[in-house]
């Protein structure tokens, strides 16, 4: 009887440990995404400005940053937690990486589209009708070019 209880409690503790690790993965993924966006967003903005030969101003280096801030944090959390969960189920890092990247790409792809437009024209001037928010920018892009634009 005592052995049975200890086995059940070990399984329960393992389940709690796995769930805690999943939340840890989500948190660390979200924080790593935030930090990487803070560091790389100005460089990405410079790249977009050079490619389109637009003027560069120091204050505009973080133009459009609200887009990755809203999208990237959940996408990184999704990626890290999906990788952890799938890897623990399959024990195959390549399969886990492909699946996690595919899931996160559902968030990253629309984010990149909106972010690049915001980097070029600002959140309030997306070259469509006047846009006052990221939500309306997303709506205008999908209405004009479709969901897969």
Protein backbone atom coordinates (compact mmCIF):
# COMPACT_ATOMS: atom_id res chain seq x y z
CA UNK A 1 0.00 0.00 0.00
CA UNK A 2 2.78 2.44 0.90
CA UNK A 3 4.66 1.62 -2.31
CA UNK A 4 1.49 2.25 -4.36
CA UNK A 5 1.00 5.67 -2.75
CA UNK A 6 4.62 6.66 -3.32
CA UNK A 7 4.43 5.64 -7.01
CA UNK A 8 1.25 7.65 -7.51
CA UNK A 9 2.75 10.66 -5.72
CA UNK A 10 5.89 10.40 -7.86
CA UNK A 11 3.77 10.43 -11.03
CA UNK A 12 1.85 13.43 -9.70
CA UNK A 13 5.06 15.26 -8.82
CA UNK A 14 6.46 14.48 -12.27
CA UNK A 15 3.30 15.90 -13.86
CA UNK A 16 3.57 19.07 -11.76
CA UNK A 17 7.28 19.38 -12.63
CA UNK A 18 6.51 19.02 -16.36
CA UNK A 19 3.76 21.62 -16.16
CA UNK A 20 6.02 24.02 -14.26
CA UNK A 21 8.74 23.50 -16.85
CA UNK A 22 6.23 24.27 -19.61
CA UNK A 23 5.34 27.59 -17.95
CA UNK A 24 9.03 28.30 -17.43
CA UNK A 25 9.63 27.69 -21.14
CA UNK A 26 6.84 30.09 -22.02
CA UNK A 27 8.19 32.79 -19.71
CA UNK A 28 11.81 32.45 -20.83
CA UNK A 29 10.74 32.31 -24.45
CA UNK A 30 8.69 35.49 -24.08
CA UNK A 31 11.53 37.32 -22.31
CA UNK A 32 14.14 36.21 -24.85
CA UNK A 33 11.85 37.38 -27.65
CA UNK A 34 11.39 40.76 -25.98
CA UNK A 35 15.12 41.23 -25.44
CA UNK A 36 16.01 40.18 -28.98
CA UNK A 37 13.39 42.55 -30.41
CA UNK A 38 14.67 45.46 -28.33
CA UNK A 39 18.17 44.84 -29.66
CA UNK A 40 17.44 43.97 -33.29
CA UNK A 41 14.47 46.20 -34.13
CA UNK A 42 16.57 49.33 -34.82
CA UNK A 43 18.84 47.30 -37.09
CA UNK A 44 15.84 45.90 -38.93
CA UNK A 45 14.39 49.39 -39.31
CA UNK A 46 17.71 50.61 -40.77
CA UNK A 47 17.68 47.71 -43.24
CA UNK A 48 14.12 48.52 -44.37
CA UNK A 49 14.95 52.22 -44.68
CA UNK A 50 18.10 51.53 -46.73
CA UNK A 51 16.26 49.12 -49.02
CA UNK A 52 13.57 51.69 -49.76
CA UNK A 53 15.93 54.67 -49.70
CA UNK A 54 13.80 56.40 -47.06
CA UNK A 55 15.23 59.05 -44.75
CA UNK A 56 16.67 57.82 -41.47
CA UNK A 57 16.17 59.70 -38.24
CA UNK A 58 17.43 58.53 -34.88
CA UNK A 59 13.99 58.81 -33.31
CA UNK A 60 12.46 56.62 -36.04
CA UNK A 61 14.64 53.58 -35.25
CA UNK A 62 11.92 52.16 -32.99
CA UNK A 63 9.10 53.14 -35.34
CA UNK A 64 6.67 50.22 -35.57
CA UNK A 65 8.07 48.60 -32.40
CA UNK A 66 4.60 48.13 -30.91
CA UNK A 67 3.91 45.45 -33.52
CA UNK A 68 6.69 43.03 -32.49
CA UNK A 69 6.02 43.91 -28.88
CA UNK A 70 2.44 42.64 -29.18
CA UNK A 71 3.06 39.74 -31.57
CA UNK A 72 6.57 38.54 -30.81
CA UNK A 73 6.23 37.93 -27.09
CA UNK A 74 3.38 35.41 -27.52
CA UNK A 75 5.07 33.90 -30.61
CA UNK A 76 8.31 33.23 -28.71
CA UNK A 77 6.35 31.85 -25.75
CA UNK A 78 4.46 29.58 -28.15
CA UNK A 79 7.66 28.46 -29.86
CA UNK A 80 9.55 27.58 -26.67
CA UNK A 81 6.62 25.86 -24.97
CA UNK A 82 5.68 23.92 -28.14
CA UNK A 83 9.28 22.84 -28.60
CA UNK A 84 9.48 21.66 -24.99
CA UNK A 85 6.18 19.79 -25.14
CA UNK A 86 6.77 18.14 -28.53
CA UNK A 87 10.37 17.27 -27.68
CA UNK A 88 9.27 15.63 -24.42
CA UNK A 89 6.70 13.56 -26.35
CA UNK A 90 8.79 12.57 -29.37
CA UNK A 91 12.35 12.91 -28.02
CA UNK A 92 13.32 14.20 -31.44
CA UNK A 93 14.76 17.71 -31.50
CA UNK A 94 14.42 18.16 -35.29
CA UNK A 95 10.72 17.21 -35.27
CA UNK A 96 10.08 19.42 -32.25
CA UNK A 97 11.90 22.36 -33.87
CA UNK A 98 10.00 22.04 -37.17
CA UNK A 99 6.63 21.76 -35.44
CA UNK A 100 7.34 24.63 -33.02
CA UNK A 101 8.59 26.89 -35.81
CA UNK A 102 5.52 26.11 -37.91
CA UNK A 103 3.20 27.06 -35.05
CA UNK A 104 5.09 30.26 -34.24
CA UNK A 105 5.20 31.25 -37.92
CA UNK A 106 1.41 31.62 -37.78
CA UNK A 107 2.07 34.61 -35.53
CA UNK A 108 5.40 35.82 -36.95
CA UNK A 109 4.34 36.07 -40.58
CA UNK A 110 1.50 38.59 -40.10
CA UNK A 111 3.69 40.43 -37.60
CA UNK A 112 6.46 40.93 -40.15
CA UNK A 113 4.03 42.22 -42.75
CA UNK A 114 2.52 44.83 -40.42
CA UNK A 115 5.89 45.70 -38.83
CA UNK A 116 7.57 46.47 -42.16
CA UNK A 117 4.73 48.74 -43.19
CA UNK A 118 4.89 50.53 -39.85
CA UNK A 119 8.68 50.90 -40.11
CA UNK A 120 8.25 52.55 -43.47
CA UNK A 121 5.28 54.79 -42.90
CA UNK A 122 4.60 54.89 -39.19
CA UNK A 123 1.71 53.31 -37.38
CA UNK A 124 -0.59 56.16 -38.28
CA UNK A 125 0.22 56.34 -42.02
CA UNK A 126 0.25 52.84 -43.46
CA UNK A 127 -0.45 54.00 -47.04
CA UNK A 128 -3.98 52.78 -46.91
CA UNK A 129 -6.83 54.70 -45.42
CA UNK A 130 -5.75 56.53 -42.28
CA UNK A 131 -4.91 53.96 -39.67
CA UNK A 132 -4.92 54.83 -36.01
CA UNK A 133 -4.05 51.50 -34.45
CA UNK A 134 -2.28 48.25 -35.07
CA UNK A 135 -5.66 46.47 -35.10
CA UNK A 136 -6.99 48.72 -37.84
CA UNK A 137 -3.71 48.35 -39.76
CA UNK A 138 -4.09 44.57 -39.64
CA UNK A 139 -7.72 44.87 -40.72
CA UNK A 140 -6.84 47.16 -43.63
CA UNK A 141 -4.02 44.89 -44.83
CA UNK A 142 -6.22 41.80 -44.74
CA UNK A 143 -9.13 43.58 -46.44
CA UNK A 144 -6.97 44.98 -49.21
CA UNK A 145 -4.57 42.06 -49.77
CA UNK A 146 -6.29 39.09 -48.11
CA UNK A 147 -5.38 37.15 -44.97
CA UNK A 148 -2.32 35.53 -46.54
CA UNK A 149 -0.79 38.86 -47.69
